[in-house]
Structures are given as C-alpha cells and as structure tokens.
PDB file of N, CA and C in Angstrom:
ATOM      1  N   MET A   1     116.243 -49.808  47.676  1.00  0.00           N
ATOM      2  CA  MET A   1     116.255 -50.467  48.913  1.00  0.00           C
ATOM      3  C   MET A   1     116.076 -51.184  48.474  1.00  0.00           C
ATOM      4  N   ASP A   2     116.547 -52.425  49.440  1.00  0.00           N
ATOM      5  CA  ASP A   2     116.082 -54.033  49.049  1.00  0.00           C
ATOM      6  C   ASP A   2     114.923 -54.194  50.211  1.00  0.00           C
ATOM      7  N   ALA A   3     113.982 -55.184  49.720  1.00  0.00           N
ATOM      8  CA  ALA A   3     112.749 -55.742  50.011  1.00  0.00           C
ATOM      9  C   ALA A   3     112.979 -55.963  51.585  1.00  0.00           C
ATOM     10  N   LYS A   4     114.539 -56.831  51.935  1.00  0.00           N
ATOM     11  CA  LYS A   4     114.518 -57.406  53.330  1.00  0.00           C
ATOM     12  C   LYS A   4     114.512 -55.983  54.676  1.00  0.00           C
ATOM     13  N   LYS A   5     115.544 -54.905  53.442  1.00  0.00           N
ATOM     14  CA  LYS A   5     115.839 -53.776  54.644  1.00  0.00           C
ATOM     15  C   LYS A   5     114.364 -52.780  54.692  1.00  0.00           C
ATOM     16  N   ILE A   6     113.556 -52.759  53.936  1.00  0.00           N
ATOM     17  CA  ILE A   6     112.140 -52.432  53.644  1.00  0.00           C
ATOM     18  C   ILE A   6     111.296 -53.247  54.791  1.00  0.00           C
ATOM     19  N   GLY A   7     111.004 -54.546  54.763  1.00  0.00           N
ATOM     20  CA  GLY A   7     110.593 -55.275  55.874  1.00  0.00           C
ATOM     21  C   GLY A   7     111.021 -55.227  57.210  1.00  0.00           C
ATOM     22  N   GLN A   8     112.205 -55.056  57.755  1.00  0.00           N
ATOM     23  CA  GLN A   8     113.055 -54.680  58.819  1.00  0.00           C
ATOM     24  C   GLN A   8     112.838 -53.567  59.677  1.00  0.00           C
ATOM     25  N   LYS A   9     112.262 -52.089  58.686  1.00  0.00           N
ATOM     26  CA  LYS A   9     111.976 -51.023  59.221  1.00  0.00           C
ATOM     27  C   LYS A   9     110.747 -51.368  59.334  1.00  0.00           C
ATOM     28  N   ILE A  10     109.571 -52.082  58.895  1.00  0.00           N
ATOM     29  CA  ILE A  10     108.255 -51.956  58.977  1.00  0.00           C
ATOM     30  C   ILE A  10     108.432 -52.455  60.563  1.00  0.00           C
ATOM     31  N   LYS A  11     108.717 -54.000  60.576  1.00  0.00           N
ATOM     32  CA  LYS A  11     108.750 -54.235  61.535  1.00  0.00           C
ATOM     33  C   LYS A  11     109.292 -54.136  62.637  1.00  0.00           C
ATOM     34  N   ALA A  12     110.439 -53.481  62.607  1.00  0.00           N
ATOM     35  CA  ALA A  12     111.184 -52.110  64.118  1.00  0.00           C
ATOM     36  C   ALA A  12     110.361 -51.049  64.443  1.00  0.00           C
ATOM     37  N   LEU A  13     109.374 -50.275  63.020  1.00  0.00           N
ATOM     38  CA  LEU A  13     108.414 -49.438  63.645  1.00  0.00           C
ATOM     39  C   LEU A  13     107.148 -49.770  64.112  1.00  0.00           C
ATOM     40  N   ARG A  14     106.751 -50.984  63.611  1.00  0.00           N
ATOM     41  CA  ARG A  14     105.474 -51.546  64.463  1.00  0.00           C
ATOM     42  C   ARG A  14     105.845 -52.189  65.681  1.00  0.00           C
ATOM     43  N   GLU A  15     106.657 -52.581  66.069  1.00  0.00           N
ATOM     44  CA  GLU A  15     107.296 -52.868  67.580  1.00  0.00           C
ATOM     45  C   GLU A  15     107.415 -51.974  68.432  1.00  0.00           C
ATOM     46  N   SER A  16     108.085 -51.331  67.650  1.00  0.00           N
ATOM     47  CA  SER A  16     108.548 -49.818  68.824  1.00  0.00           C
ATOM     48  C   SER A  16     107.265 -48.845  68.763  1.00  0.00           C
ATOM     49  N   LYS A  17     106.895 -49.572  68.391  1.00  0.00           N
ATOM     50  CA  LYS A  17     104.971 -48.773  68.938  1.00  0.00           C
ATOM     51  C   LYS A  17     104.192 -49.729  69.425  1.00  0.00           C
ATOM     52  N   ASN A  18     104.943 -51.052  70.110  1.00  0.00           N
ATOM     53  CA  ASN A  18     103.926 -52.392  70.688  1.00  0.00           C
ATOM     54  C   ASN A  18     102.400 -52.399  70.174  1.00  0.00           C
ATOM     55  N   ILE A  19     102.697 -52.412  68.396  1.00  0.00           N
ATOM     56  CA  ILE A  19     101.250 -52.953  67.992  1.00  0.00           C
ATOM     57  C   ILE A  19     102.002 -54.779  67.442  1.00  0.00           C
ATOM     58  N   SER A  20     100.277 -55.237  67.655  1.00  0.00           N
ATOM     59  CA  SER A  20     100.336 -56.371  66.910  1.00  0.00           C
ATOM     60  C   SER A  20     100.483 -56.728  65.911  1.00  0.00           C
ATOM     61  N   ARG A  21     101.067 -57.869  65.092  1.00  0.00           N
ATOM     62  CA  ARG A  21     100.959 -57.998  63.640  1.00  0.00           C
ATOM     63  C   ARG A  21      99.291 -57.724  63.398  1.00  0.00           C
ATOM     64  N   GLU A  22      98.578 -58.559  64.285  1.00  0.00           N
ATOM     65  CA  GLU A  22      97.146 -58.146  63.793  1.00  0.00           C
ATOM     66  C   GLU A  22      96.244 -57.413  63.160  1.00  0.00           C
ATOM     67  N   LYS A  23      96.655 -56.634  64.753  1.00  0.00           N
ATOM     68  CA  LYS A  23      95.928 -55.224  64.956  1.00  0.00           C
ATOM     69  C   LYS A  23      96.749 -54.536  63.391  1.00  0.00           C
ATOM     70  N   PHE A  24      98.315 -54.336  63.247  1.00  0.00           N
ATOM     71  CA  PHE A  24      98.443 -53.203  62.435  1.00  0.00           C
ATOM     72  C   PHE A  24      97.994 -53.881  61.367  1.00  0.00           C
ATOM     73  N   ALA A  25      97.758 -55.332  60.636  1.00  0.00           N
ATOM     74  CA  ALA A  25      97.332 -55.817  59.653  1.00  0.00           C
ATOM     75  C   ALA A  25      95.811 -55.133  59.161  1.00  0.00           C
ATOM     76  N   ASN A  26      95.244 -55.651  60.541  1.00  0.00           N
ATOM     77  CA  ASN A  26      93.738 -54.818  60.396  1.00  0.00           C
ATOM     78  C   ASN A  26      93.336 -53.264  59.790  1.00  0.00           C
ATOM     79  N   SER A  27      94.877 -52.791  60.610  1.00  0.00           N
ATOM     80  CA  SER A  27      94.529 -51.329  60.504  1.00  0.00           C
ATOM     81  C   SER A  27      94.919 -50.599  59.387  1.00  0.00           C
ATOM     82  N   VAL A  28      95.861 -51.248  58.475  1.00  0.00           N
ATOM     83  CA  VAL A  28      96.116 -50.839  57.039  1.00  0.00           C
ATOM     84  C   VAL A  28      95.064 -51.730  55.842  1.00  0.00           C
ATOM     85  N   ASN A  29      94.675 -52.558  56.560  1.00  0.00           N
ATOM     86  CA  ASN A  29      93.773 -53.025  55.246  1.00  0.00           C
ATOM     87  C   ASN A  29      94.256 -54.449  54.491  1.00  0.00           C
ATOM     88  N   ILE A  30      95.156 -54.777  55.538  1.00  0.00           N
ATOM     89  CA  ILE A  30      95.852 -55.875  54.445  1.00  0.00           C
ATOM     90  C   ILE A  30      96.026 -57.119  55.357  1.00  0.00           C
ATOM     91  N   SER A  31      96.171 -58.730  54.580  1.00  0.00           N
ATOM     92  CA  SER A  31      96.034 -59.529  55.737  1.00  0.00           C
ATOM     93  C   SER A  31      97.440 -60.168  56.305  1.00  0.00           C
ATOM     94  N   THR A  32      97.010 -60.548  57.576  1.00  0.00           N
ATOM     95  CA  THR A  32      98.555 -60.786  58.161  1.00  0.00           C
ATOM     96  C   THR A  32      99.721 -61.616  57.590  1.00  0.00           C
ATOM     97  N   SER A  33      99.557 -62.343  56.701  1.00  0.00           N
ATOM     98  CA  SER A  33     100.123 -63.019  55.551  1.00  0.00           C
ATOM     99  C   SER A  33     100.736 -62.132  54.706  1.00  0.00           C
ATOM    100  N   ALA A  34     100.296 -61.399  54.404  1.00  0.00           N
ATOM    101  CA  ALA A  34     101.041 -59.972  53.458  1.00  0.00           C
ATOM    102  C   ALA A  34     101.989 -59.562  54.172  1.00  0.00           C
ATOM    103  N   LEU A  35     101.341 -59.060  55.556  1.00  0.00           N
ATOM    104  CA  LEU A  35     102.402 -58.273  56.261  1.00  0.00           C
ATOM    105  C   LEU A  35     103.591 -59.032  57.037  1.00  0.00           C
ATOM    106  N   SER A  36     103.487 -60.558  57.032  1.00  0.00           N
ATOM    107  CA  SER A  36     104.440 -61.294  57.077  1.00  0.00           C
ATOM    108  C   SER A  36     105.455 -61.409  56.217  1.00  0.00           C
ATOM    109  N   MET A  37     105.247 -61.253  54.972  1.00  0.00           N
ATOM    110  CA  MET A  37     105.693 -61.096  53.778  1.00  0.00           C
ATOM    111  C   MET A  37     106.685 -59.499  53.537  1.00  0.00           C
ATOM    112  N   TYR A  38     105.560 -59.061  53.644  1.00  0.00           N
ATOM    113  CA  TYR A  38     106.630 -57.586  53.799  1.00  0.00           C
ATOM    114  C   TYR A  38     107.757 -57.343  54.967  1.00  0.00           C
ATOM    115  N   GLU A  39     107.462 -58.172  56.183  1.00  0.00           N
ATOM    116  CA  GLU A  39     108.452 -58.198  56.982  1.00  0.00           C
ATOM    117  C   GLU A  39     109.656 -59.287  56.892  1.00  0.00           C
ATOM    118  N   THR A  40     109.048 -60.034  56.319  1.00  0.00           N
ATOM    119  CA  THR A  40     110.581 -60.857  55.980  1.00  0.00           C
ATOM    120  C   THR A  40     111.209 -60.527  54.738  1.00  0.00           C
ATOM    121  N   GLY A  41     110.458 -59.731  54.159  1.00  0.00           N
ATOM    122  CA  GLY A  41     111.065 -59.090  52.341  1.00  0.00           C
ATOM    123  C   GLY A  41     111.193 -60.130  51.479  1.00  0.00           C
ATOM    124  N   GLN A  42     109.889 -60.819  51.774  1.00  0.00           N
ATOM    125  CA  GLN A  42     109.472 -61.575  50.538  1.00  0.00           C
ATOM    126  C   GLN A  42     108.671 -60.932  49.388  1.00  0.00           C
ATOM    127  N   ARG A  43     108.261 -59.427  50.055  1.00  0.00           N
ATOM    128  CA  ARG A  43     107.396 -58.982  48.937  1.00  0.00           C
ATOM    129  C   ARG A  43     107.499 -56.985  49.186  1.00  0.00           C
ATOM    130  N   ILE A  44     107.282 -56.720  48.366  1.00  0.00           N
ATOM    131  CA  ILE A  44     107.101 -54.859  48.704  1.00  0.00           C
ATOM    132  C   ILE A  44     105.723 -54.182  48.551  1.00  0.00           C
ATOM    133  N   PRO A  45     105.423 -53.625  49.398  1.00  0.00           N
ATOM    134  CA  PRO A  45     103.964 -53.207  48.891  1.00  0.00           C
ATOM    135  C   PRO A  45     103.222 -52.250  48.145  1.00  0.00           C
ATOM    136  N   ARG A  46     102.581 -52.298  47.548  1.00  0.00           N
ATOM    137  CA  ARG A  46     102.030 -51.763  46.704  1.00  0.00           C
ATOM    138  C   ARG A  46     102.197 -50.279  46.723  1.00  0.00           C
ATOM    139  N   ASP A  47     102.282 -49.556  45.777  1.00  0.00           N
ATOM    140  CA  ASP A  47     102.160 -47.887  46.142  1.00  0.00           C
ATOM    141  C   ASP A  47     100.940 -47.219  47.398  1.00  0.00           C
ATOM    142  N   GLU A  48      99.507 -48.099  47.050  1.00  0.00           N
ATOM    143  CA  GLU A  48      98.563 -47.145  47.654  1.00  0.00           C
ATOM    144  C   GLU A  48      98.862 -48.263  49.394  1.00  0.00           C
ATOM    145  N   VAL A  49      99.065 -49.190  49.667  1.00  0.00           N
ATOM    146  CA  VAL A  49      99.432 -49.860  50.866  1.00  0.00           C
ATOM    147  C   VAL A  49     100.830 -49.264  51.543  1.00  0.00           C
ATOM    148  N   LYS A  50     101.786 -48.651  50.945  1.00  0.00           N
ATOM    149  CA  LYS A  50     102.629 -48.587  51.220  1.00  0.00           C
ATOM    150  C   LYS A  50     102.302 -46.891  51.715  1.00  0.00           C
ATOM    151  N   LEU A  51     101.608 -45.966  51.538  1.00  0.00           N
ATOM    152  CA  LEU A  51     101.207 -44.879  51.959  1.00  0.00           C
ATOM    153  C   LEU A  51     100.031 -45.020  53.224  1.00  0.00           C
ATOM    154  N   ARG A  52      99.170 -45.817  53.267  1.00  0.00           N
ATOM    155  CA  ARG A  52      98.734 -46.542  54.746  1.00  0.00           C
ATOM    156  C   ARG A  52      99.601 -46.648  55.768  1.00  0.00           C
ATOM    157  N   ILE A  53     100.572 -47.759  55.532  1.00  0.00           N
ATOM    158  CA  ILE A  53     101.626 -47.943  56.084  1.00  0.00           C
ATOM    159  C   ILE A  53     102.072 -46.969  56.790  1.00  0.00           C
ATOM    160  N   ALA A  54     102.746 -46.121  55.875  1.00  0.00           N
ATOM    161  CA  ALA A  54     103.537 -44.930  56.469  1.00  0.00           C
ATOM    162  C   ALA A  54     102.390 -43.761  57.396  1.00  0.00           C
ATOM    163  N   ARG A  55     101.129 -44.025  56.685  1.00  0.00           N
ATOM    164  CA  ARG A  55     100.734 -43.258  57.604  1.00  0.00           C
ATOM    165  C   ARG A  55     100.505 -43.285  58.972  1.00  0.00           C
ATOM    166  N   TYR A  56     100.179 -44.938  59.322  1.00  0.00           N
ATOM    167  CA  TYR A  56      99.831 -45.578  60.281  1.00  0.00           C
ATOM    168  C   TYR A  56     100.528 -45.211  61.207  1.00  0.00           C
ATOM    169  N   LEU A  57     101.970 -45.740  60.974  1.00  0.00           N
ATOM    170  CA  LEU A  57     103.662 -45.867  61.388  1.00  0.00           C
ATOM    171  C   LEU A  57     103.816 -44.308  61.474  1.00  0.00           C
ATOM    172  N   GLU A  58     102.876 -43.311  61.593  1.00  0.00           N
ATOM    173  CA  GLU A  58     103.459 -41.752  61.370  1.00  0.00           C
ATOM    174  C   GLU A  58     104.540 -41.535  61.574  1.00  0.00           C
ATOM    175  N   THR A  59     105.068 -41.861  60.149  1.00  0.00           N
ATOM    176  CA  THR A  59     106.024 -41.677  59.244  1.00  0.00           C
ATOM    177  C   THR A  59     106.119 -41.243  57.965  1.00  0.00           C
ATOM    178  N   SER A  60     107.171 -41.054  57.269  1.00  0.00           N
ATOM    179  CA  SER A  60     106.958 -40.829  55.672  1.00  0.00           C
ATOM    180  C   SER A  60     107.414 -41.667  54.820  1.00  0.00           C
ATOM    181  N   ILE A  61     106.933 -42.059  53.658  1.00  0.00           N
ATOM    182  CA  ILE A  61     107.004 -43.120  53.084  1.00  0.00           C
ATOM    183  C   ILE A  61     108.162 -42.872  52.565  1.00  0.00           C
ATOM    184  N   GLU A  62     108.497 -41.875  52.444  1.00  0.00           N
ATOM    185  CA  GLU A  62     110.834 -41.776  52.072  1.00  0.00           C
ATOM    186  C   GLU A  62     111.520 -42.611  53.546  1.00  0.00           C
ATOM    187  N   ASN A  63     110.828 -42.472  54.574  1.00  0.00           N
ATOM    188  CA  ASN A  63     111.397 -42.534  55.286  1.00  0.00           C
ATOM    189  C   ASN A  63     111.381 -44.407  55.608  1.00  0.00           C
ATOM    190  N   ILE A  64     110.655 -44.843  55.254  1.00  0.00           N
ATOM    191  CA  ILE A  64     110.566 -46.374  55.287  1.00  0.00           C
ATOM    192  C   ILE A  64     111.232 -46.875  53.705  1.00  0.00           C
ATOM    193  N   PHE A  65     110.511 -46.446  52.543  1.00  0.00           N
ATOM    194  CA  PHE A  65     110.750 -47.055  51.594  1.00  0.00           C
ATOM    195  C   PHE A  65     112.194 -46.550  50.699  1.00  0.00           C
ATOM    196  N   PHE A  66     112.843 -45.513  51.266  1.00  0.00           N
ATOM    197  CA  PHE A  66     113.488 -45.022  49.995  1.00  0.00           C
ATOM    198  C   PHE A  66     115.098 -44.680  51.107  1.00  0.00           C
ATOM    199  N   THR A  67     114.982 -44.697  51.946  1.00  0.00           N
ATOM    200  CA  THR A  67     115.905 -44.620  52.937  1.00  0.00           C
ATOM    201  C   THR A  67     116.831 -45.613  53.517  1.00  0.00           C
ATOM    202  N   ASN A  68     117.990 -45.479  53.112  1.00  0.00           N
ATOM    203  CA  ASN A  68     118.909 -46.552  54.460  1.00  0.00           C
ATOM    204  C   ASN A  68     118.983 -46.821  55.525  1.00  0.00           C
TER     205      ASN A  68
END
C-alpha cells in the first residue's frame, strides 16, 4: 500500500472518532508535524509508531497499513 492511502486511512479513522490532531499526536507520542506528514502521505510511520497508532484507533496494523 502506498503512503498516500495509508495517510488517508489514518486521517479517516481519526476523524471518525472525532479526535483532534493534537490529541491524537500526543496520545501516540508523536509530533503534530509527523502526524501531518503521515496523513498527507509524505512519510510512513516506523513500526513501533504503527503499533501505537493502531492500538489508539482500536484497529489492527493490517487494517491500516496492509489492506486496500
């Protein structure tokens, strides 16, 4: 899966739970600028960040990062 689709999934899941960028970034221990880069497809998170994102969004890593 490409970075842009991953970013779209992260953003859609975050927004569906009405979580602000700031709250989400703080909760998964990343900067808001890193989150912005993930959501716009400029970067893909490292493995340990993927796990924190999936746990916080109450979904699997596979759902966000490995499925279409």
